[in-house]
Amino acid sequence: MKKFIRGFGHALNGIWHASVTQLNFRVHLVAALVTLYAGYTLHISTGEWLWIILCIAMVLIAELFNTALEFLTDLVSPEYNKKAGLVKDMSAGAVLITAVCALVIGLIIFVPKLLVLIQHAA
């Protein structure tokens, strides 16, 4: 059981390290907090909350994998290597695809609610 609990400590250490050392991870965390606040303020539905939570999780997971792959690539190939660069590029591309998908889902959920607010304000 101690080994199991220690595993959580290692996982939290990895998340903490990414949040302290990786600007993009912090940007995604801030975007997640803004999105959560917007969801609360705009009273999104349970189904919409599920999509938002899934998107936030997927973007943060993608960013963690990207960081891990970058660290591993730097470890095994400290000198410049074209293939190592491509590994990093593809990993960053996965984050970009995930973030764009999350943005589109966020727009689908939030734009109609914001339009209603604008119409009521006018």
N, C-alpha and C. Protein backbone atom coordinates (compact mmCIF):
# COMPACT_ATOMS: atom_id res chain seq x y z
N MET A 1 0.82 -1.19 0.00
CA MET A 1 0.00 0.00 0.00
C MET A 1 0.87 1.27 0.00
N LYS A 2 2.03 1.21 0.71
CA LYS A 2 2.92 2.37 0.74
C LYS A 2 3.42 2.71 -0.66
N LYS A 3 3.74 1.67 -1.42
CA LYS A 3 4.22 1.88 -2.79
C LYS A 3 3.14 2.54 -3.65
N PHE A 4 1.91 2.12 -3.45
CA PHE A 4 0.78 2.70 -4.19
C PHE A 4 0.63 4.18 -3.86
N ILE A 5 0.68 4.51 -2.58
CA ILE A 5 0.53 5.90 -2.15
C ILE A 5 1.72 6.73 -2.62
N ARG A 6 2.94 6.15 -2.55
CA ARG A 6 4.12 6.85 -3.06
C ARG A 6 3.98 7.20 -4.53
N GLY A 7 3.30 6.35 -5.27
CA GLY A 7 3.05 6.61 -6.69
C GLY A 7 2.30 7.91 -6.91
N PHE A 8 1.35 8.21 -6.05
CA PHE A 8 0.62 9.48 -6.14
C PHE A 8 1.57 10.65 -5.90
N GLY A 9 2.49 10.47 -4.96
CA GLY A 9 3.47 11.50 -4.68
C GLY A 9 4.34 11.79 -5.90
N HIS A 10 4.76 10.72 -6.59
CA HIS A 10 5.57 10.90 -7.80
C HIS A 10 4.76 11.61 -8.89
N ALA A 11 3.50 11.22 -9.03
CA ALA A 11 2.65 11.85 -10.04
C ALA A 11 2.46 13.34 -9.73
N LEU A 12 2.18 13.66 -8.48
CA LEU A 12 2.01 15.05 -8.09
C LEU A 12 3.31 15.83 -8.27
N ASN A 13 4.44 15.20 -8.02
CA ASN A 13 5.74 15.83 -8.24
C ASN A 13 5.92 16.17 -9.72
N GLY A 14 5.52 15.27 -10.60
CA GLY A 14 5.62 15.53 -12.03
C GLY A 14 4.73 16.69 -12.46
N ILE A 15 3.52 16.73 -11.95
CA ILE A 15 2.61 17.84 -12.28
C ILE A 15 3.17 19.14 -11.73
N TRP A 16 3.68 19.11 -10.49
CA TRP A 16 4.26 20.32 -9.88
C TRP A 16 5.46 20.80 -10.70
N HIS A 17 6.33 19.87 -11.08
CA HIS A 17 7.52 20.24 -11.85
C HIS A 17 7.12 20.90 -13.17
N ALA A 18 6.14 20.33 -13.84
CA ALA A 18 5.68 20.91 -15.11
C ALA A 18 5.10 22.30 -14.87
N SER A 19 4.34 22.47 -13.81
CA SER A 19 3.72 23.77 -13.57
C SER A 19 4.75 24.83 -13.18
N VAL A 20 5.84 24.42 -12.58
CA VAL A 20 6.88 25.38 -12.17
C VAL A 20 7.85 25.70 -13.32
N THR A 21 8.12 24.71 -14.17
CA THR A 21 9.17 24.89 -15.18
C THR A 21 8.67 25.13 -16.59
N GLN A 22 7.41 24.85 -16.87
CA GLN A 22 6.93 24.89 -18.24
C GLN A 22 5.89 26.00 -18.43
N LEU A 23 6.27 27.02 -19.16
CA LEU A 23 5.38 28.16 -19.41
C LEU A 23 4.08 27.71 -20.06
N ASN A 24 4.17 26.85 -21.07
CA ASN A 24 2.95 26.42 -21.77
C ASN A 24 1.99 25.70 -20.84
N PHE A 25 2.52 24.91 -19.91
CA PHE A 25 1.65 24.22 -18.96
C PHE A 25 0.93 25.24 -18.09
N ARG A 26 1.65 26.28 -17.64
CA ARG A 26 1.01 27.34 -16.84
C ARG A 26 -0.03 28.08 -17.64
N VAL A 27 0.24 28.34 -18.92
CA VAL A 27 -0.75 29.01 -19.78
C VAL A 27 -2.02 28.16 -19.86
N HIS A 28 -1.84 26.86 -20.04
CA HIS A 28 -3.01 25.97 -20.12
C HIS A 28 -3.75 25.92 -18.78
N LEU A 29 -3.03 25.97 -17.67
CA LEU A 29 -3.69 26.00 -16.36
C LEU A 29 -4.52 27.26 -16.19
N VAL A 30 -3.97 28.40 -16.60
CA VAL A 30 -4.72 29.65 -16.52
C VAL A 30 -5.95 29.59 -17.42
N ALA A 31 -5.78 29.08 -18.63
CA ALA A 31 -6.93 28.94 -19.54
C ALA A 31 -7.99 28.02 -18.91
N ALA A 32 -7.55 26.97 -18.24
CA ALA A 32 -8.49 26.06 -17.59
C ALA A 32 -9.26 26.79 -16.49
N LEU A 33 -8.56 27.58 -15.68
CA LEU A 33 -9.24 28.32 -14.60
C LEU A 33 -10.23 29.33 -15.16
N VAL A 34 -9.85 30.03 -16.21
CA VAL A 34 -10.76 30.99 -16.85
C VAL A 34 -11.99 30.27 -17.39
N THR A 35 -11.77 29.12 -18.00
CA THR A 35 -12.87 28.34 -18.57
C THR A 35 -13.80 27.84 -17.47
N LEU A 36 -13.22 27.36 -16.37
CA LEU A 36 -14.05 26.90 -15.25
C LEU A 36 -14.87 28.04 -14.68
N TYR A 37 -14.26 29.21 -14.55
CA TYR A 37 -15.00 30.38 -14.05
C TYR A 37 -16.13 30.75 -15.01
N ALA A 38 -15.82 30.74 -16.31
CA ALA A 38 -16.85 31.07 -17.30
C ALA A 38 -17.99 30.06 -17.25
N GLY A 39 -17.67 28.79 -17.10
CA GLY A 39 -18.71 27.77 -17.00
C GLY A 39 -19.60 27.97 -15.80
N TYR A 40 -18.98 28.31 -14.68
CA TYR A 40 -19.75 28.57 -13.45
C TYR A 40 -20.63 29.81 -13.63
N THR A 41 -20.05 30.86 -14.18
CA THR A 41 -20.77 32.13 -14.35
C THR A 41 -21.92 32.01 -15.34
N LEU A 42 -21.71 31.25 -16.40
CA LEU A 42 -22.73 31.12 -17.44
C LEU A 42 -23.67 29.94 -17.22
N HIS A 43 -23.51 29.25 -16.10
CA HIS A 43 -24.42 28.15 -15.72
C HIS A 43 -24.54 27.10 -16.82
N ILE A 44 -23.41 26.58 -17.26
CA ILE A 44 -23.47 25.56 -18.31
C ILE A 44 -24.09 24.28 -17.75
N SER A 45 -24.62 23.47 -18.65
CA SER A 45 -25.32 22.24 -18.26
C SER A 45 -24.32 21.15 -17.83
N THR A 46 -24.85 20.11 -17.25
CA THR A 46 -24.02 18.98 -16.82
C THR A 46 -23.27 18.38 -18.01
N GLY A 47 -23.95 18.20 -19.12
CA GLY A 47 -23.30 17.66 -20.32
C GLY A 47 -22.18 18.57 -20.81
N GLU A 48 -22.42 19.86 -20.76
CA GLU A 48 -21.39 20.82 -21.17
C GLU A 48 -20.20 20.78 -20.21
N TRP A 49 -20.48 20.63 -18.91
CA TRP A 49 -19.40 20.50 -17.93
C TRP A 49 -18.54 19.28 -18.24
N LEU A 50 -19.17 18.20 -18.63
CA LEU A 50 -18.41 16.98 -18.95
C LEU A 50 -17.45 17.24 -20.11
N TRP A 51 -17.92 17.93 -21.14
CA TRP A 51 -17.06 18.25 -22.28
C TRP A 51 -15.92 19.18 -21.87
N ILE A 52 -16.23 20.17 -21.05
CA ILE A 52 -15.22 21.13 -20.60
C ILE A 52 -14.15 20.41 -19.77
N ILE A 53 -14.58 19.59 -18.83
CA ILE A 53 -13.63 18.86 -17.99
C ILE A 53 -12.78 17.91 -18.84
N LEU A 54 -13.40 17.23 -19.79
CA LEU A 54 -12.64 16.35 -20.67
C LEU A 54 -11.61 17.13 -21.48
N CYS A 55 -11.99 18.27 -22.01
CA CYS A 55 -11.06 19.10 -22.79
C CYS A 55 -9.90 19.58 -21.94
N ILE A 56 -10.20 20.06 -20.75
CA ILE A 56 -9.13 20.53 -19.86
C ILE A 56 -8.17 19.39 -19.56
N ALA A 57 -8.71 18.24 -19.21
CA ALA A 57 -7.86 17.09 -18.89
C ALA A 57 -7.01 16.69 -20.09
N MET A 58 -7.61 16.64 -21.26
CA MET A 58 -6.86 16.20 -22.45
C MET A 58 -5.72 17.17 -22.79
N VAL A 59 -5.97 18.46 -22.68
CA VAL A 59 -4.92 19.44 -22.98
C VAL A 59 -3.79 19.33 -21.97
N LEU A 60 -4.12 19.23 -20.69
CA LEU A 60 -3.07 19.11 -19.67
C LEU A 60 -2.30 17.80 -19.81
N ILE A 61 -3.00 16.72 -20.12
CA ILE A 61 -2.33 15.43 -20.34
C ILE A 61 -1.40 15.52 -21.55
N ALA A 62 -1.88 16.11 -22.63
CA ALA A 62 -1.04 16.25 -23.83
C ALA A 62 0.20 17.08 -23.51
N GLU A 63 0.03 18.14 -22.74
CA GLU A 63 1.17 18.99 -22.38
C GLU A 63 2.16 18.24 -21.50
N LEU A 64 1.67 17.42 -20.58
CA LEU A 64 2.56 16.61 -19.74
C LEU A 64 3.33 15.59 -20.58
N PHE A 65 2.65 14.93 -21.51
CA PHE A 65 3.34 13.98 -22.39
C PHE A 65 4.37 14.70 -23.26
N ASN A 66 4.02 15.88 -23.75
CA ASN A 66 4.95 16.66 -24.56
C ASN A 66 6.21 16.99 -23.75
N THR A 67 6.02 17.43 -22.54
CA THR A 67 7.16 17.76 -21.67
C THR A 67 8.00 16.53 -21.39
N ALA A 68 7.35 15.42 -21.09
CA ALA A 68 8.08 14.18 -20.81
C ALA A 68 8.88 13.74 -22.04
N LEU A 69 8.27 13.81 -23.22
CA LEU A 69 8.99 13.44 -24.44
C LEU A 69 10.16 14.38 -24.73
N GLU A 70 9.98 15.66 -24.45
CA GLU A 70 11.09 16.60 -24.64
C GLU A 70 12.24 16.28 -23.70
N PHE A 71 11.94 16.01 -22.42
CA PHE A 71 12.99 15.65 -21.47
C PHE A 71 13.70 14.38 -21.88
N LEU A 72 12.93 13.37 -22.27
CA LEU A 72 13.52 12.10 -22.67
C LEU A 72 14.37 12.26 -23.93
N THR A 73 13.88 13.04 -24.88
CA THR A 73 14.63 13.29 -26.11
C THR A 73 15.94 13.99 -25.80
N ASP A 74 15.90 14.99 -24.92
CA ASP A 74 17.13 15.68 -24.53
C ASP A 74 18.10 14.75 -23.83
N LEU A 75 17.57 13.79 -23.07
CA LEU A 75 18.42 12.84 -22.35
C LEU A 75 19.14 11.89 -23.30
N VAL A 76 18.40 11.34 -24.26
CA VAL A 76 19.01 10.34 -25.17
C VAL A 76 19.73 10.97 -26.34
N SER A 77 19.45 12.25 -26.62
CA SER A 77 20.09 12.92 -27.74
C SER A 77 20.44 14.35 -27.36
N PRO A 78 21.49 14.51 -26.51
CA PRO A 78 21.83 15.87 -26.06
C PRO A 78 22.33 16.77 -27.19
N GLU A 79 22.93 16.19 -28.19
CA GLU A 79 23.36 16.95 -29.36
C GLU A 79 22.21 17.04 -30.34
N TYR A 80 22.25 18.05 -31.23
CA TYR A 80 21.17 18.19 -32.21
C TYR A 80 21.10 16.94 -33.09
N ASN A 81 19.88 16.49 -33.28
CA ASN A 81 19.61 15.34 -34.14
C ASN A 81 18.29 15.62 -34.83
N LYS A 82 18.28 15.49 -36.15
CA LYS A 82 17.06 15.82 -36.90
C LYS A 82 15.87 14.98 -36.45
N LYS A 83 16.07 13.69 -36.23
CA LYS A 83 14.97 12.84 -35.80
C LYS A 83 14.49 13.21 -34.39
N ALA A 84 15.42 13.56 -33.52
CA ALA A 84 15.03 14.00 -32.17
C ALA A 84 14.20 15.28 -32.27
N GLY A 85 14.58 16.18 -33.17
CA GLY A 85 13.81 17.40 -33.38
C GLY A 85 12.41 17.10 -33.88
N LEU A 86 12.31 16.11 -34.76
CA LEU A 86 10.99 15.73 -35.27
C LEU A 86 10.11 15.13 -34.18
N VAL A 87 10.73 14.37 -33.28
CA VAL A 87 9.97 13.81 -32.15
C VAL A 87 9.37 14.96 -31.33
N LYS A 88 10.19 15.97 -31.05
CA LYS A 88 9.70 17.12 -30.29
C LYS A 88 8.62 17.87 -31.06
N ASP A 89 8.81 18.04 -32.36
CA ASP A 89 7.82 18.74 -33.18
C ASP A 89 6.49 18.00 -33.21
N MET A 90 6.55 16.69 -33.35
CA MET A 90 5.31 15.90 -33.39
C MET A 90 4.60 15.93 -32.05
N SER A 91 5.37 15.89 -30.98
CA SER A 91 4.79 15.96 -29.65
C SER A 91 4.10 17.31 -29.44
N ALA A 92 4.75 18.38 -29.86
CA ALA A 92 4.15 19.71 -29.77
C ALA A 92 2.92 19.79 -30.67
N GLY A 93 2.97 19.14 -31.82
CA GLY A 93 1.81 19.11 -32.72
C GLY A 93 0.61 18.43 -32.08
N ALA A 94 0.87 17.39 -31.31
CA ALA A 94 -0.23 16.71 -30.60
C ALA A 94 -0.89 17.64 -29.61
N VAL A 95 -0.08 18.44 -28.91
CA VAL A 95 -0.64 19.42 -27.98
C VAL A 95 -1.47 20.45 -28.74
N LEU A 96 -0.93 20.92 -29.87
CA LEU A 96 -1.65 21.92 -30.66
C LEU A 96 -3.01 21.40 -31.13
N ILE A 97 -3.04 20.19 -31.65
CA ILE A 97 -4.30 19.60 -32.10
C ILE A 97 -5.29 19.50 -30.94
N THR A 98 -4.81 19.04 -29.79
CA THR A 98 -5.67 18.90 -28.62
C THR A 98 -6.21 20.25 -28.17
N ALA A 99 -5.34 21.27 -28.15
CA ALA A 99 -5.75 22.60 -27.70
C ALA A 99 -6.74 23.23 -28.68
N VAL A 100 -6.52 23.05 -29.97
CA VAL A 100 -7.45 23.60 -30.97
C VAL A 100 -8.81 22.91 -30.85
N CYS A 101 -8.80 21.62 -30.66
CA CYS A 101 -10.05 20.88 -30.47
C CYS A 101 -10.78 21.39 -29.23
N ALA A 102 -10.05 21.60 -28.14
CA ALA A 102 -10.66 22.13 -26.91
C ALA A 102 -11.22 23.53 -27.15
N LEU A 103 -10.49 24.34 -27.90
CA LEU A 103 -10.97 25.69 -28.21
C LEU A 103 -12.27 25.64 -29.00
N VAL A 104 -12.34 24.78 -29.99
CA VAL A 104 -13.56 24.67 -30.81
C VAL A 104 -14.74 24.22 -29.94
N ILE A 105 -14.51 23.23 -29.09
CA ILE A 105 -15.58 22.76 -28.21
C ILE A 105 -16.00 23.89 -27.26
N GLY A 106 -15.02 24.63 -26.73
CA GLY A 106 -15.33 25.76 -25.86
C GLY A 106 -16.15 26.82 -26.58
N LEU A 107 -15.81 27.10 -27.83
CA LEU A 107 -16.57 28.08 -28.61
C LEU A 107 -18.00 27.60 -28.84
N ILE A 108 -18.15 26.32 -29.15
CA ILE A 108 -19.49 25.76 -29.37
C ILE A 108 -20.33 25.90 -28.10
N ILE A 109 -19.73 25.72 -26.95
CA ILE A 109 -20.48 25.79 -25.69
C ILE A 109 -20.72 27.24 -25.26
N PHE A 110 -19.69 28.09 -25.36
CA PHE A 110 -19.79 29.42 -24.75
C PHE A 110 -20.32 30.51 -25.67
N VAL A 111 -20.08 30.45 -26.96
CA VAL A 111 -20.52 31.54 -27.84
C VAL A 111 -22.03 31.74 -27.80
N PRO A 112 -22.85 30.69 -27.91
CA PRO A 112 -24.30 30.93 -27.84
C PRO A 112 -24.74 31.59 -26.51
N LYS A 113 -24.12 31.20 -25.42
CA LYS A 113 -24.47 31.79 -24.12
C LYS A 113 -24.04 33.24 -24.05
N LEU A 114 -22.88 33.55 -24.63
CA LEU A 114 -22.41 34.93 -24.64
C LEU A 114 -23.27 35.80 -25.55
N LEU A 115 -23.72 35.24 -26.66
CA LEU A 115 -24.61 35.98 -27.57
C LEU A 115 -25.92 36.35 -26.89
N VAL A 116 -26.47 35.42 -26.10
CA VAL A 116 -27.69 35.68 -25.36
C VAL A 116 -27.45 36.82 -24.36
N LEU A 117 -26.32 36.78 -23.67
CA LEU A 117 -26.01 37.86 -22.73
C LEU A 117 -25.89 39.21 -23.43
N ILE A 118 -25.27 39.22 -24.59
CA ILE A 118 -25.12 40.47 -25.36
C ILE A 118 -26.48 40.98 -25.82
N GLN A 119 -27.37 40.06 -26.27
CA GLN A 119 -28.70 40.46 -26.72
C GLN A 119 -29.52 41.04 -25.57
N HIS A 120 -29.39 40.45 -24.37
CA HIS A 120 -30.13 40.95 -23.22
C HIS A 120 -29.59 42.29 -22.75
N ALA A 121 -28.30 42.52 -22.94
CA ALA A 121 -27.69 43.78 -22.53
C ALA A 121 -28.06 44.92 -23.46
N ALA A 122 -28.37 44.58 -24.73
CA ALA A 122 -28.66 45.62 -25.73
C ALA A 122 -30.06 46.16 -25.62
